């Protein structure tokens, strides 16, 4: 019975190294994805601001056309 209980412990160094390697790889992947999200949010903010400016310019042109000459 003791042998069966000891078999449940993961004392194999290869398994620990494998898990640590996978954990490191996943942490790098998460960091890369977080950086990608930040870049995409910045780009989205710039595009939204440019669209807002374009809309304001369009409205100002429409207002100029409505002014009496």
N, C-alpha and C. Protein backbone atom coordinates (compact mmCIF):
# COMPACT_ATOMS: atom_id res chain seq x y z
N UNK A 1 0.83 -1.19 0.00
CA UNK A 1 0.00 0.00 0.00
C UNK A 1 0.88 1.26 0.00
N UNK A 2 1.96 1.24 0.74
CA UNK A 2 2.85 2.40 0.78
C UNK A 2 3.42 2.67 -0.60
N UNK A 3 3.72 1.61 -1.33
CA UNK A 3 4.24 1.78 -2.68
C UNK A 3 3.21 2.48 -3.56
N UNK A 4 1.96 2.14 -3.42
CA UNK A 4 0.91 2.78 -4.20
C UNK A 4 0.77 4.24 -3.83
N UNK A 5 0.88 4.57 -2.54
CA UNK A 5 0.78 5.96 -2.11
C UNK A 5 1.98 6.78 -2.60
N UNK A 6 3.16 6.19 -2.53
CA UNK A 6 4.35 6.92 -2.98
C UNK A 6 4.33 7.13 -4.49
N UNK A 7 3.66 6.26 -5.18
CA UNK A 7 3.55 6.41 -6.62
C UNK A 7 2.72 7.62 -7.03
N UNK A 8 1.91 8.14 -6.11
CA UNK A 8 1.07 9.30 -6.44
C UNK A 8 1.86 10.60 -6.39
N UNK A 9 3.01 10.58 -5.71
CA UNK A 9 3.83 11.78 -5.65
C UNK A 9 4.65 11.90 -6.93
N UNK A 10 4.72 13.09 -7.43
CA UNK A 10 5.46 13.31 -8.67
C UNK A 10 6.86 13.79 -8.32
N UNK A 11 7.73 12.85 -8.11
CA UNK A 11 9.10 13.20 -7.76
C UNK A 11 10.05 13.07 -8.94
N UNK A 12 9.51 12.76 -10.09
CA UNK A 12 10.34 12.62 -11.28
C UNK A 12 10.80 14.00 -11.73
N UNK A 13 12.10 14.19 -11.81
CA UNK A 13 12.66 15.50 -12.17
C UNK A 13 12.33 15.89 -13.61
N UNK A 14 12.20 14.91 -14.48
CA UNK A 14 11.87 15.21 -15.87
C UNK A 14 10.49 15.85 -15.96
N UNK A 15 9.56 15.32 -15.17
CA UNK A 15 8.21 15.88 -15.17
C UNK A 15 8.22 17.31 -14.64
N UNK A 16 8.97 17.55 -13.57
CA UNK A 16 9.06 18.89 -12.99
C UNK A 16 9.68 19.86 -14.00
N UNK A 17 10.72 19.42 -14.67
CA UNK A 17 11.37 20.28 -15.67
C UNK A 17 10.43 20.55 -16.84
N UNK A 18 9.68 19.54 -17.22
CA UNK A 18 8.74 19.70 -18.32
C UNK A 18 7.64 20.69 -17.95
N UNK A 19 7.13 20.57 -16.75
CA UNK A 19 6.08 21.49 -16.29
C UNK A 19 6.64 22.90 -16.18
N UNK A 20 7.84 23.03 -15.67
CA UNK A 20 8.45 24.35 -15.54
C UNK A 20 8.69 24.97 -16.92
N UNK A 21 9.14 24.17 -17.86
CA UNK A 21 9.36 24.66 -19.22
C UNK A 21 8.05 25.11 -19.86
N UNK A 22 7.02 24.32 -19.70
CA UNK A 22 5.70 24.67 -20.25
C UNK A 22 5.16 25.94 -19.58
N UNK A 23 5.36 26.04 -18.28
CA UNK A 23 4.91 27.22 -17.54
C UNK A 23 5.63 28.47 -18.04
N UNK A 24 6.93 28.37 -18.26
CA UNK A 24 7.69 29.49 -18.78
C UNK A 24 7.21 29.87 -20.17
N UNK A 25 6.99 28.89 -21.01
CA UNK A 25 6.51 29.15 -22.37
C UNK A 25 5.15 29.84 -22.34
N UNK A 26 4.28 29.38 -21.46
CA UNK A 26 2.95 29.99 -21.37
C UNK A 26 3.02 31.41 -20.82
N UNK A 27 3.91 31.65 -19.88
CA UNK A 27 4.07 33.02 -19.35
C UNK A 27 4.54 33.98 -20.44
N UNK A 28 5.48 33.52 -21.27
CA UNK A 28 5.97 34.34 -22.38
C UNK A 28 4.83 34.61 -23.36
N UNK A 29 4.04 33.58 -23.64
CA UNK A 29 2.90 33.74 -24.56
C UNK A 29 1.89 34.73 -24.01
N UNK A 30 1.59 34.64 -22.72
CA UNK A 30 0.65 35.58 -22.10
C UNK A 30 1.20 37.00 -22.18
N UNK A 31 2.51 37.18 -21.90
CA UNK A 31 3.11 38.51 -21.98
C UNK A 31 3.02 39.06 -23.39
N UNK A 32 3.30 38.21 -24.39
CA UNK A 32 3.21 38.63 -25.79
C UNK A 32 1.78 39.04 -26.14
N UNK A 33 0.80 38.27 -25.68
CA UNK A 33 -0.59 38.60 -25.97
C UNK A 33 -1.02 39.88 -25.27
N UNK A 34 -0.53 40.10 -24.05
CA UNK A 34 -0.85 41.35 -23.35
C UNK A 34 -0.27 42.55 -24.09
N UNK A 35 0.96 42.41 -24.62
CA UNK A 35 1.56 43.48 -25.40
C UNK A 35 0.77 43.73 -26.69
N UNK A 36 0.31 42.67 -27.32
CA UNK A 36 -0.49 42.80 -28.53
C UNK A 36 -1.80 43.53 -28.22
N UNK A 37 -2.43 43.19 -27.11
CA UNK A 37 -3.66 43.86 -26.71
C UNK A 37 -3.42 45.34 -26.50
N UNK A 38 -2.33 45.68 -25.83
CA UNK A 38 -2.01 47.09 -25.59
C UNK A 38 -1.79 47.83 -26.90
N UNK A 39 -1.05 47.21 -27.84
CA UNK A 39 -0.83 47.87 -29.14
C UNK A 39 -2.14 48.05 -29.90
N UNK A 40 -2.99 47.03 -29.88
CA UNK A 40 -4.27 47.13 -30.59
C UNK A 40 -5.18 48.17 -29.96
N UNK A 41 -5.15 48.28 -28.63
CA UNK A 41 -5.96 49.30 -27.97
C UNK A 41 -5.47 50.70 -28.33
N UNK A 42 -4.15 50.88 -28.37
CA UNK A 42 -3.59 52.18 -28.77
C UNK A 42 -3.99 52.52 -30.20
N UNK A 43 -3.86 51.55 -31.08
CA UNK A 43 -4.23 51.77 -32.48
C UNK A 43 -5.72 52.08 -32.60
N UNK A 44 -6.55 51.37 -31.86
CA UNK A 44 -7.98 51.61 -31.89
C UNK A 44 -8.30 53.02 -31.39
N UNK A 45 -7.62 53.46 -30.33
CA UNK A 45 -7.84 54.81 -29.80
C UNK A 45 -7.45 55.87 -30.84
N UNK A 46 -6.30 55.64 -31.52
CA UNK A 46 -5.89 56.60 -32.56
C UNK A 46 -6.89 56.64 -33.70
N UNK A 47 -7.38 55.48 -34.13
CA UNK A 47 -8.35 55.44 -35.22
C UNK A 47 -9.67 56.08 -34.82
N UNK A 48 -10.10 55.84 -33.60
CA UNK A 48 -11.35 56.45 -33.12
C UNK A 48 -11.21 57.97 -33.06
N UNK A 49 -10.06 58.44 -32.62
CA UNK A 49 -9.84 59.88 -32.56
C UNK A 49 -9.81 60.47 -33.97
N UNK A 50 -9.16 59.79 -34.90
CA UNK A 50 -9.12 60.28 -36.28
C UNK A 50 -10.52 60.29 -36.88
N UNK A 51 -11.32 59.29 -36.58
CA UNK A 51 -12.70 59.26 -37.09
C UNK A 51 -13.52 60.40 -36.51
N UNK A 52 -13.32 60.70 -35.23
CA UNK A 52 -14.04 61.81 -34.60
C UNK A 52 -13.65 63.14 -35.23
N UNK A 53 -12.37 63.32 -35.50
CA UNK A 53 -11.89 64.56 -36.13
C UNK A 53 -12.47 64.67 -37.54
N UNK A 54 -12.50 63.57 -38.27
CA UNK A 54 -13.06 63.58 -39.62
C UNK A 54 -14.54 63.94 -39.59
N UNK A 55 -15.26 63.42 -38.60
CA UNK A 55 -16.68 63.75 -38.48
C UNK A 55 -16.87 65.23 -38.18
N UNK A 56 -16.03 65.77 -37.31
CA UNK A 56 -16.12 67.20 -36.99
C UNK A 56 -15.81 68.04 -38.22
N UNK A 57 -14.81 67.64 -38.98
CA UNK A 57 -14.48 68.38 -40.20
C UNK A 57 -15.63 68.32 -41.19
N UNK A 58 -16.26 67.19 -41.31
CA UNK A 58 -17.39 67.02 -42.22
C UNK A 58 -18.53 67.93 -41.79
N UNK A 59 -18.81 67.95 -40.49
CA UNK A 59 -19.89 68.80 -39.99
C UNK A 59 -19.57 70.27 -40.19
N UNK A 60 -18.32 70.67 -40.02
CA UNK A 60 -17.96 72.08 -40.21
C UNK A 60 -18.13 72.48 -41.68
N UNK A 61 -17.80 71.57 -42.60
CA UNK A 61 -18.00 71.85 -44.03
C UNK A 61 -19.49 72.01 -44.33
N UNK A 62 -20.32 71.17 -43.74
CA UNK A 62 -21.76 71.28 -43.95
C UNK A 62 -22.29 72.60 -43.41
N UNK A 63 -21.76 73.02 -42.27
CA UNK A 63 -22.19 74.29 -41.67
C UNK A 63 -21.78 75.46 -42.54
N UNK A 64 -20.59 75.40 -43.15
CA UNK A 64 -20.14 76.49 -44.01
C UNK A 64 -21.05 76.61 -45.23
N UNK A 65 -21.50 75.49 -45.75
CA UNK A 65 -22.39 75.51 -46.90
C UNK A 65 -23.74 76.13 -46.53
N UNK A 66 -24.12 76.07 -45.31
CA UNK A 66 -25.44 76.57 -44.89
C UNK A 66 -25.41 78.06 -44.57
N UNK A 67 -24.23 78.68 -44.51
CA UNK A 67 -24.11 80.08 -44.19
C UNK A 67 -24.54 80.94 -45.39
N UNK A 68 -25.20 82.05 -45.12
CA UNK A 68 -25.57 82.92 -46.23
C UNK A 68 -24.34 83.59 -46.83
N UNK A 69 -24.40 83.84 -48.09
CA UNK A 69 -23.24 84.43 -48.77
C UNK A 69 -23.41 85.91 -48.91
